[in-house]
Amino acid sequence: MIAVYLDDGSDPVAPRENGWYIMDGTTILLAGPFSSREEAILAIDEQEPDPEAGGPSPF
């Protein structure tokens, strides 16, 4: 997932208003637009699991 700025001239065009959207390839994943790239990246971080969080113990 990446944060991409979309507007009327981008490909794809912004589905609502100009701003930052979260995309996976050519698919817009999360509702947007976000007001800044940083805000969009924070939304990505909230969606992805924390690699350092660990998981269930195999024991």
C-alpha atoms as a PDB file:
ATOM      1  CA  MET A   1       0.000   0.000   0.000  1.00  0.00           C
ATOM      2  CA  ILE A   2       1.230   3.469  -0.847  1.00  0.00           C
ATOM      3  CA  ALA A   3       0.002   7.021  -0.383  1.00  0.00           C
ATOM      4  CA  VAL A   4      -0.677   8.754  -3.710  1.00  0.00           C
ATOM      5  CA  TYR A   5      -1.899  12.274  -4.425  1.00  0.00           C
ATOM      6  CA  LEU A   6      -4.854  12.175  -6.815  1.00  0.00           C
ATOM      7  CA  ASP A   7      -6.581  15.061  -8.571  1.00  0.00           C
ATOM      8  CA  ASP A   8      -8.568  15.739 -11.750  1.00  0.00           C
ATOM      9  CA  GLY A   9      -5.490  15.209 -13.946  1.00  0.00           C
ATOM     10  CA  SER A  10      -4.071  12.070 -12.328  1.00  0.00           C
ATOM     11  CA  ASP A  11      -4.516   8.496 -13.505  1.00  0.00           C
ATOM     12  CA  PRO A  12      -6.698   7.347 -11.875  1.00  0.00           C
ATOM     13  CA  VAL A  13      -8.527  10.563 -11.143  1.00  0.00           C
ATOM     14  CA  ALA A  14      -9.556  11.418  -7.598  1.00  0.00           C
ATOM     15  CA  PRO A  15     -12.868   9.665  -6.883  1.00  0.00           C
ATOM     16  CA  ARG A  16     -14.125  12.534  -4.744  1.00  0.00           C
ATOM     17  CA  GLU A  17     -11.967  15.594  -4.157  1.00  0.00           C
ATOM     18  CA  ASN A  18      -8.250  16.205  -4.678  1.00  0.00           C
ATOM     19  CA  GLY A  19      -6.030  14.774  -1.963  1.00  0.00           C
ATOM     20  CA  TRP A  20      -4.034  11.807  -0.702  1.00  0.00           C
ATOM     21  CA  TYR A  21      -5.460   8.326  -1.171  1.00  0.00           C
ATOM     22  CA  ILE A  22      -4.187   4.869  -0.209  1.00  0.00           C
ATOM     23  CA  MET A  23      -3.600   2.638  -3.209  1.00  0.00           C
ATOM     24  CA  ASP A  24      -2.529  -0.929  -3.910  1.00  0.00           C
ATOM     25  CA  GLY A  25      -1.476  -0.940  -7.543  1.00  0.00           C
ATOM     26  CA  THR A  26      -4.329   0.780  -9.389  1.00  0.00           C
ATOM     27  CA  THR A  27      -6.923   0.056  -6.686  1.00  0.00           C
ATOM     28  CA  ILE A  28      -7.892   2.752  -4.184  1.00  0.00           C
ATOM     29  CA  LEU A  29      -8.099   0.953  -0.839  1.00  0.00           C
ATOM     30  CA  LEU A  30      -8.957   3.350   1.971  1.00  0.00           C
ATOM     31  CA  ALA A  31     -11.430   6.180   2.027  1.00  0.00           C
ATOM     32  CA  GLY A  32      -9.869   9.518   1.415  1.00  0.00           C
ATOM     33  CA  PRO A  33      -8.842  12.013   0.706  1.00  0.00           C
ATOM     34  CA  PHE A  34      -6.359  12.558   3.495  1.00  0.00           C
ATOM     35  CA  SER A  35      -5.156  16.124   3.979  1.00  0.00           C
ATOM     36  CA  SER A  36      -1.454  15.224   3.942  1.00  0.00           C
ATOM     37  CA  ARG A  37       0.898  12.437   2.936  1.00  0.00           C
ATOM     38  CA  GLU A  38       1.790  11.931   6.606  1.00  0.00           C
ATOM     39  CA  GLU A  39      -1.873  11.440   7.545  1.00  0.00           C
ATOM     40  CA  ALA A  40      -2.248   8.862   4.764  1.00  0.00           C
ATOM     41  CA  ILE A  41       0.899   7.013   5.885  1.00  0.00           C
ATOM     42  CA  LEU A  42      -0.426   6.883   9.456  1.00  0.00           C
ATOM     43  CA  ALA A  43      -3.612   5.294   8.112  1.00  0.00           C
ATOM     44  CA  ILE A  44      -1.477   2.685   6.303  1.00  0.00           C
ATOM     45  CA  ASP A  45       0.437   1.966   9.504  1.00  0.00           C
ATOM     46  CA  GLU A  46      -2.835   1.386  11.363  1.00  0.00           C
ATOM     47  CA  GLN A  47      -3.920  -1.162   8.730  1.00  0.00           C
ATOM     48  CA  GLU A  48      -0.715  -3.206   8.628  1.00  0.00           C
ATOM     49  CA  PRO A  49       0.238  -5.540  11.475  1.00  0.00           C
ATOM     50  CA  ASP A  50       3.175  -4.544  13.653  1.00  0.00           C
ATOM     51  CA  PRO A  51       6.059  -6.893  12.753  1.00  0.00           C
ATOM     52  CA  GLU A  52       7.535  -6.477  16.229  1.00  0.00           C
ATOM     53  CA  ALA A  53       4.302  -7.248  18.061  1.00  0.00           C
ATOM     54  CA  GLY A  54       4.991 -10.950  17.958  1.00  0.00           C
ATOM     55  CA  GLY A  55       2.315 -13.545  17.725  1.00  0.00           C
ATOM     56  CA  PRO A  56       0.938 -16.473  19.598  1.00  0.00           C
ATOM     57  CA  SER A  57       3.588 -18.581  21.258  1.00  0.00           C
ATOM     58  CA  PRO A  58       4.138 -21.964  19.620  1.00  0.00           C
ATOM     59  CA  PHE A  59       4.575 -23.429  23.143  1.00  0.00           C
END
